[in-house]
């Protein structure tokens, strides 16, 4: 008990429980480290899937964004770049490479000639489908301890955290 009290007073003296709406600063820092480590492992997994198709990790992410976003009309470069948090010129460059390899189609929008609509080729959909059982097995392993509800709740909390971090980045950029 005394150890807990000391620990509590130590954390509050470091700006713990009284700052950040009651969130302990040490726990927030640990969360940031855990998220960074998760990102590293996700990146390793992306590179594995990309290698299976003979493309780079960022190119894999572009294909996955298209697979998730395309409703049959194609997806503008700007939408994919926003989803991936990268510059549109990067998506343009990479998508041209993917087009040359036969993974995607790029066409000018009928509504606005400045907009390029991207979509996956049938070849790519087949290749992704061939990996689906391996991906499902991996997802089952990774998320085995989560019920559907717990996973939805965690995803919602992470989405909230992402939104707050985006706002914090803007505040820092504005010099608060």
Protein backbone atom coordinates (compact mmCIF):
# COMPACT_ATOMS: atom_id res chain seq x y z
CA UNK A 1 0.00 0.00 0.00
CA UNK A 2 2.76 2.44 0.90
CA UNK A 3 4.51 1.51 -2.34
CA UNK A 4 1.33 2.31 -4.27
CA UNK A 5 1.03 5.66 -2.53
CA UNK A 6 4.66 6.50 -3.33
CA UNK A 7 4.13 5.42 -6.91
CA UNK A 8 1.02 7.59 -7.08
CA UNK A 9 2.77 10.60 -5.64
CA UNK A 10 5.77 10.05 -7.94
CA UNK A 11 3.55 10.00 -11.01
CA UNK A 12 1.60 13.08 -9.94
CA UNK A 13 4.83 14.97 -9.28
CA UNK A 14 5.88 14.13 -12.84
CA UNK A 15 2.62 15.53 -14.16
CA UNK A 16 0.76 12.22 -13.94
CA UNK A 17 -2.75 12.01 -12.64
CA UNK A 18 -3.51 15.72 -12.57
CA UNK A 19 -2.62 16.31 -16.23
CA UNK A 20 -4.21 14.94 -19.41
CA UNK A 21 -7.70 14.64 -17.95
CA UNK A 22 -6.54 12.25 -15.24
CA UNK A 23 -4.41 10.07 -17.50
CA UNK A 24 -1.03 9.13 -16.04
CA UNK A 25 1.77 10.55 -18.20
CA UNK A 26 3.87 7.37 -17.82
CA UNK A 27 0.99 5.25 -19.09
CA UNK A 28 0.45 7.63 -22.02
CA UNK A 29 4.13 7.40 -22.89
CA UNK A 30 4.02 3.59 -22.66
CA UNK A 31 0.97 3.58 -24.94
CA UNK A 32 2.90 5.63 -27.49
CA UNK A 33 5.76 3.11 -27.38
CA UNK A 34 3.34 0.19 -27.78
CA UNK A 35 1.71 1.85 -30.79
CA UNK A 36 5.13 2.50 -32.33
CA UNK A 37 6.07 -1.17 -31.86
CA UNK A 38 2.74 -2.30 -33.33
CA UNK A 39 3.41 -0.10 -36.35
CA UNK A 40 6.82 -1.76 -36.86
CA UNK A 41 5.26 -5.22 -36.79
CA UNK A 42 2.45 -4.20 -39.13
CA UNK A 43 5.04 -2.83 -41.52
CA UNK A 44 6.95 -6.14 -41.43
CA UNK A 45 3.73 -8.00 -42.25
CA UNK A 46 2.94 -5.58 -45.10
CA UNK A 47 6.39 -6.15 -46.58
CA UNK A 48 5.82 -9.92 -46.40
CA UNK A 49 2.54 -9.66 -48.33
CA UNK A 50 4.09 -7.20 -50.80
CA UNK A 51 7.02 -9.54 -51.44
CA UNK A 52 4.57 -12.31 -52.28
CA UNK A 53 3.36 -10.11 -55.18
CA UNK A 54 6.80 -8.79 -56.10
CA UNK A 55 6.07 -5.19 -55.09
CA UNK A 56 7.14 -2.79 -52.31
CA UNK A 57 5.39 -2.31 -48.97
CA UNK A 58 4.06 1.15 -49.89
CA UNK A 59 2.78 -0.25 -53.20
CA UNK A 60 0.99 -3.00 -51.24
CA UNK A 61 -0.67 -0.31 -49.12
CA UNK A 62 -1.90 1.48 -52.25
CA UNK A 63 -3.42 -1.76 -53.54
CA UNK A 64 -5.08 -2.42 -50.17
CA UNK A 65 -6.47 1.10 -50.06
CA UNK A 66 -7.94 0.61 -53.52
CA UNK A 67 -9.38 -2.77 -52.55
CA UNK A 68 -11.08 -1.15 -49.54
CA UNK A 69 -12.23 2.07 -51.20
CA UNK A 70 -13.18 1.22 -54.79
CA UNK A 71 -16.93 0.91 -55.32
CA UNK A 72 -16.59 0.20 -59.04
CA UNK A 73 -15.86 3.74 -60.26
CA UNK A 74 -12.19 3.87 -59.31
CA UNK A 75 -10.63 5.98 -56.58
CA UNK A 76 -8.98 9.39 -57.02
CA UNK A 77 -5.27 9.70 -56.20
CA UNK A 78 -6.11 12.37 -53.61
CA UNK A 79 -8.40 10.00 -51.67
CA UNK A 80 -5.77 7.25 -51.53
CA UNK A 81 -3.04 9.70 -50.50
CA UNK A 82 -5.24 11.02 -47.69
CA UNK A 83 -5.99 7.51 -46.44
CA UNK A 84 -2.29 6.60 -46.45
CA UNK A 85 -1.16 10.00 -45.07
CA UNK A 86 1.27 10.54 -47.96
CA UNK A 87 1.72 13.20 -50.63
CA UNK A 88 -0.43 12.71 -53.75
CA UNK A 89 2.71 12.85 -55.93
CA UNK A 90 3.98 9.73 -54.15
CA UNK A 91 0.75 7.85 -54.94
CA UNK A 92 0.92 9.07 -58.55
CA UNK A 93 4.49 7.85 -58.99
CA UNK A 94 3.86 4.48 -57.35
CA UNK A 95 0.57 3.93 -59.14
CA UNK A 96 2.27 4.44 -62.50
CA UNK A 97 4.73 1.68 -61.56
CA UNK A 98 1.89 -0.56 -60.45
CA UNK A 99 0.08 0.11 -63.71
CA UNK A 100 3.17 -0.93 -65.72
CA UNK A 101 3.28 -4.18 -63.73
CA UNK A 102 -0.40 -4.83 -64.49
CA UNK A 103 -1.69 -4.40 -60.94
CA UNK A 104 -3.94 -1.41 -61.56
CA UNK A 105 -5.60 0.80 -64.13
CA UNK A 106 -5.39 4.56 -64.15
CA UNK A 107 -7.87 6.63 -66.12
CA UNK A 108 -8.81 10.27 -66.28
CA UNK A 109 -12.10 11.08 -64.61
CA UNK A 110 -14.96 11.79 -66.99
CA UNK A 111 -16.07 14.63 -64.68
CA UNK A 112 -12.69 16.36 -64.22
CA UNK A 113 -9.67 15.79 -66.47
CA UNK A 114 -7.34 16.79 -63.61
CA UNK A 115 -8.46 13.78 -61.55
CA UNK A 116 -7.00 10.32 -62.10
CA UNK A 117 -9.22 7.41 -61.04
CA UNK A 118 -7.37 4.24 -60.03
CA UNK A 119 -8.73 0.71 -59.85
CA UNK A 120 -7.34 -2.78 -59.44
CA UNK A 121 -7.08 -5.20 -62.33
CA UNK A 122 -8.73 -8.63 -62.30
CA UNK A 123 -5.21 -10.11 -62.03
CA UNK A 124 -4.66 -8.21 -58.79
CA UNK A 125 -8.01 -9.23 -57.31
CA UNK A 126 -7.10 -12.88 -58.04
CA UNK A 127 -3.66 -12.52 -56.45
CA UNK A 128 -5.16 -10.90 -53.36
CA UNK A 129 -7.78 -13.66 -53.19
CA UNK A 130 -5.01 -16.28 -53.32
CA UNK A 131 -3.48 -14.71 -50.19
CA UNK A 132 -6.82 -14.40 -48.40
CA UNK A 133 -6.70 -17.72 -46.51
CA UNK A 134 -3.19 -16.97 -45.21
CA UNK A 135 -4.27 -13.48 -44.20
CA UNK A 136 -7.37 -14.85 -42.46
CA UNK A 137 -5.28 -17.38 -40.52
CA UNK A 138 -2.90 -14.62 -39.47
CA UNK A 139 -5.78 -12.35 -38.39
CA UNK A 140 -7.32 -15.22 -36.41
CA UNK A 141 -4.00 -15.67 -34.58
CA UNK A 142 -3.41 -11.96 -33.96
CA UNK A 143 -6.93 -11.20 -32.74
CA UNK A 144 -7.67 -14.55 -31.01
CA UNK A 145 -8.09 -12.96 -27.59
CA UNK A 146 -10.60 -10.34 -28.77
CA UNK A 147 -14.32 -10.83 -29.20
CA UNK A 148 -15.92 -8.97 -32.11
CA UNK A 149 -17.28 -6.42 -29.65
CA UNK A 150 -13.90 -5.89 -27.96
CA UNK A 151 -12.23 -5.46 -31.33
CA UNK A 152 -14.89 -2.92 -32.39
CA UNK A 153 -14.46 -1.05 -29.10
CA UNK A 154 -10.67 -1.00 -29.44
CA UNK A 155 -10.93 0.18 -33.03
CA UNK A 156 -13.29 2.97 -31.95
CA UNK A 157 -10.94 4.07 -29.17
CA UNK A 158 -7.97 4.06 -31.55
CA UNK A 159 -9.95 6.07 -34.10
CA UNK A 160 -10.74 8.62 -31.38
CA UNK A 161 -7.07 8.72 -30.38
CA UNK A 162 -6.04 9.17 -34.03
CA UNK A 163 -8.43 12.11 -34.39
CA UNK A 164 -7.12 13.77 -31.24
CA UNK A 165 -3.51 13.24 -32.36
CA UNK A 166 -4.34 14.82 -35.73
CA UNK A 167 -5.74 17.85 -33.91
CA UNK A 168 -2.70 17.94 -31.61
CA UNK A 169 -0.40 17.92 -34.65
CA UNK A 170 -2.29 20.88 -36.09
CA UNK A 171 -2.03 22.73 -32.79
CA UNK A 172 1.72 22.15 -32.67
CA UNK A 173 2.07 23.26 -36.30
CA UNK A 174 0.17 26.46 -35.47
CA UNK A 175 2.57 27.14 -32.61
CA UNK A 176 0.39 26.76 -29.54
